[in-house]
Amino acid sequence: MNYRYIVLSFSMFLVGQILVWIQVNGPLIWDWAKTWRWALMLLGVPITWLFMEATSYVVQGFGGLFWPGRFISFCAGIFIFTLMTYIFRDETINLKTAVSLLLAFSLIVVQLFWK
């Protein structure tokens, strides 16, 4: 297990998820995003590249295994969605969301430390 690749891939997944959140939710929130929808659509190309590279690194980090990377990507998406939705939509974290976040964090811990 190469933790450097795993941390790098998780960071890339986080950035990608931030961009995706802005891309798909931005036009519902901000006027500039409604005006520049075509630019947000074009942003899909670098986002895809970012996810492809992150996937490559996470697979290398887990010694060629694909499933751990899927969980890492999923958890990054859950965390970013929760954070961005709270910041920009003021949707608080209720008990159900808190339990879901705890479960998402548990997935990462299991993948990193269960031999």
Protein backbone atom coordinates (compact mmCIF):
# COMPACT_ATOMS: atom_id res chain seq x y z
CA MET A 1 0.00 0.00 0.00
CA ASN A 2 1.40 3.36 -1.05
CA TYR A 3 -0.11 6.04 1.19
CA ARG A 4 1.40 8.85 -0.89
CA TYR A 5 -0.65 7.80 -3.93
CA ILE A 6 -3.74 7.28 -1.80
CA VAL A 7 -3.53 10.77 -0.26
CA LEU A 8 -2.81 12.32 -3.66
CA SER A 9 -5.77 10.55 -5.25
CA PHE A 10 -8.10 11.51 -2.38
CA SER A 11 -7.04 15.14 -2.78
CA MET A 12 -7.72 14.96 -6.51
CA PHE A 13 -11.12 13.38 -5.88
CA LEU A 14 -11.93 16.21 -3.45
CA VAL A 15 -11.06 18.89 -6.02
CA GLY A 16 -13.01 17.03 -8.70
CA GLN A 17 -16.06 16.74 -6.46
CA ILE A 18 -15.93 20.46 -5.66
CA LEU A 19 -15.91 21.24 -9.37
CA VAL A 20 -18.75 18.81 -10.05
CA TRP A 21 -20.84 20.33 -7.25
CA ILE A 22 -20.36 23.79 -8.76
CA GLN A 23 -21.03 22.45 -12.24
CA VAL A 24 -24.35 20.76 -11.47
CA ASN A 25 -25.68 22.89 -8.62
CA GLY A 26 -24.28 26.28 -9.59
CA PRO A 27 -26.98 27.13 -12.15
CA LEU A 28 -29.61 26.57 -9.46
CA ILE A 29 -27.91 29.03 -7.10
CA TRP A 30 -25.95 31.71 -8.93
CA ASP A 31 -26.88 33.96 -11.83
CA TRP A 32 -23.37 33.84 -13.29
CA ALA A 33 -23.63 30.05 -13.48
CA LYS A 34 -26.95 30.33 -15.34
CA THR A 35 -25.34 32.71 -17.82
CA TRP A 36 -22.20 30.59 -18.28
CA ARG A 37 -23.79 27.13 -18.44
CA TRP A 38 -21.84 26.27 -21.58
CA ALA A 39 -18.57 27.02 -19.80
CA LEU A 40 -19.62 24.78 -16.92
CA MET A 41 -20.37 22.02 -19.43
CA LEU A 42 -16.92 22.41 -20.99
CA LEU A 43 -15.47 22.10 -17.51
CA GLY A 44 -16.52 18.45 -17.76
CA VAL A 45 -13.43 17.65 -19.84
CA PRO A 46 -10.81 18.62 -17.23
CA ILE A 47 -12.99 17.16 -14.47
CA THR A 48 -13.02 13.83 -16.29
CA TRP A 49 -9.23 13.96 -16.69
CA LEU A 50 -8.88 14.73 -12.97
CA PHE A 51 -11.03 11.73 -12.00
CA MET A 52 -9.16 9.46 -14.42
CA GLU A 53 -5.80 10.46 -12.94
CA ALA A 54 -7.09 10.14 -9.38
CA THR A 55 -8.39 6.67 -10.19
CA SER A 56 -5.02 5.69 -11.63
CA TYR A 57 -3.23 6.86 -8.48
CA VAL A 58 -5.64 5.19 -6.07
CA VAL A 59 -5.38 1.87 -7.91
CA GLN A 60 -1.58 2.13 -7.73
CA GLY A 61 -1.83 3.09 -4.06
CA PHE A 62 -3.84 -0.06 -3.28
CA GLY A 63 -1.56 -2.35 -5.24
CA GLY A 64 -3.79 -2.75 -8.30
CA LEU A 65 -7.13 -3.18 -6.51
CA PHE A 66 -10.12 -1.29 -7.91
CA TRP A 67 -12.71 -1.52 -5.10
CA PRO A 68 -10.85 0.55 -2.49
CA GLY A 69 -10.61 3.40 -4.98
CA ARG A 70 -14.34 3.30 -5.57
CA PHE A 71 -14.96 3.74 -1.86
CA ILE A 72 -12.40 6.56 -1.63
CA SER A 73 -14.07 8.38 -4.53
CA PHE A 74 -17.53 7.83 -3.04
CA CYS A 75 -16.47 9.15 0.36
CA ALA A 76 -14.85 12.23 -1.18
CA GLY A 77 -18.13 12.94 -2.95
CA ILE A 78 -20.17 12.53 0.23
CA PHE A 79 -17.90 14.83 2.22
CA ILE A 80 -17.78 17.54 -0.44
CA PHE A 81 -21.52 17.43 -1.08
CA THR A 82 -22.18 17.79 2.64
CA LEU A 83 -19.74 20.66 3.05
CA MET A 84 -20.72 22.60 -0.07
CA THR A 85 -24.45 22.16 0.54
CA TYR A 86 -24.03 23.43 4.08
CA ILE A 87 -21.92 26.42 3.02
CA PHE A 88 -23.93 27.53 0.00
CA ARG A 89 -27.46 26.32 0.80
CA ASP A 90 -27.35 26.39 4.60
CA GLU A 91 -28.70 22.85 4.77
CA THR A 92 -27.64 21.63 8.17
CA ILE A 93 -26.39 18.20 9.04
CA ASN A 94 -29.19 16.24 10.69
CA LEU A 95 -28.82 12.92 12.48
CA LYS A 96 -29.37 10.87 9.31
CA THR A 97 -26.66 12.82 7.46
CA ALA A 98 -24.28 12.59 10.42
CA VAL A 99 -24.66 8.81 10.54
CA SER A 100 -24.11 8.64 6.78
CA LEU A 101 -20.91 10.68 7.11
CA LEU A 102 -19.71 8.44 9.91
CA LEU A 103 -20.34 5.40 7.72
CA ALA A 104 -18.48 7.03 4.81
CA PHE A 105 -15.51 7.75 7.07
CA SER A 106 -15.66 4.14 8.31
CA LEU A 107 -15.35 2.92 4.72
CA ILE A 108 -12.09 4.80 4.32
CA VAL A 109 -10.74 3.47 7.62
CA VAL A 110 -11.62 -0.12 6.69
CA GLN A 111 -9.97 0.20 3.27
CA LEU A 112 -6.82 1.77 4.68
CA PHE A 113 -6.21 -0.36 7.74
CA TRP A 114 -7.93 -3.74 7.35
CA LYS A 115 -5.31 -6.19 6.09
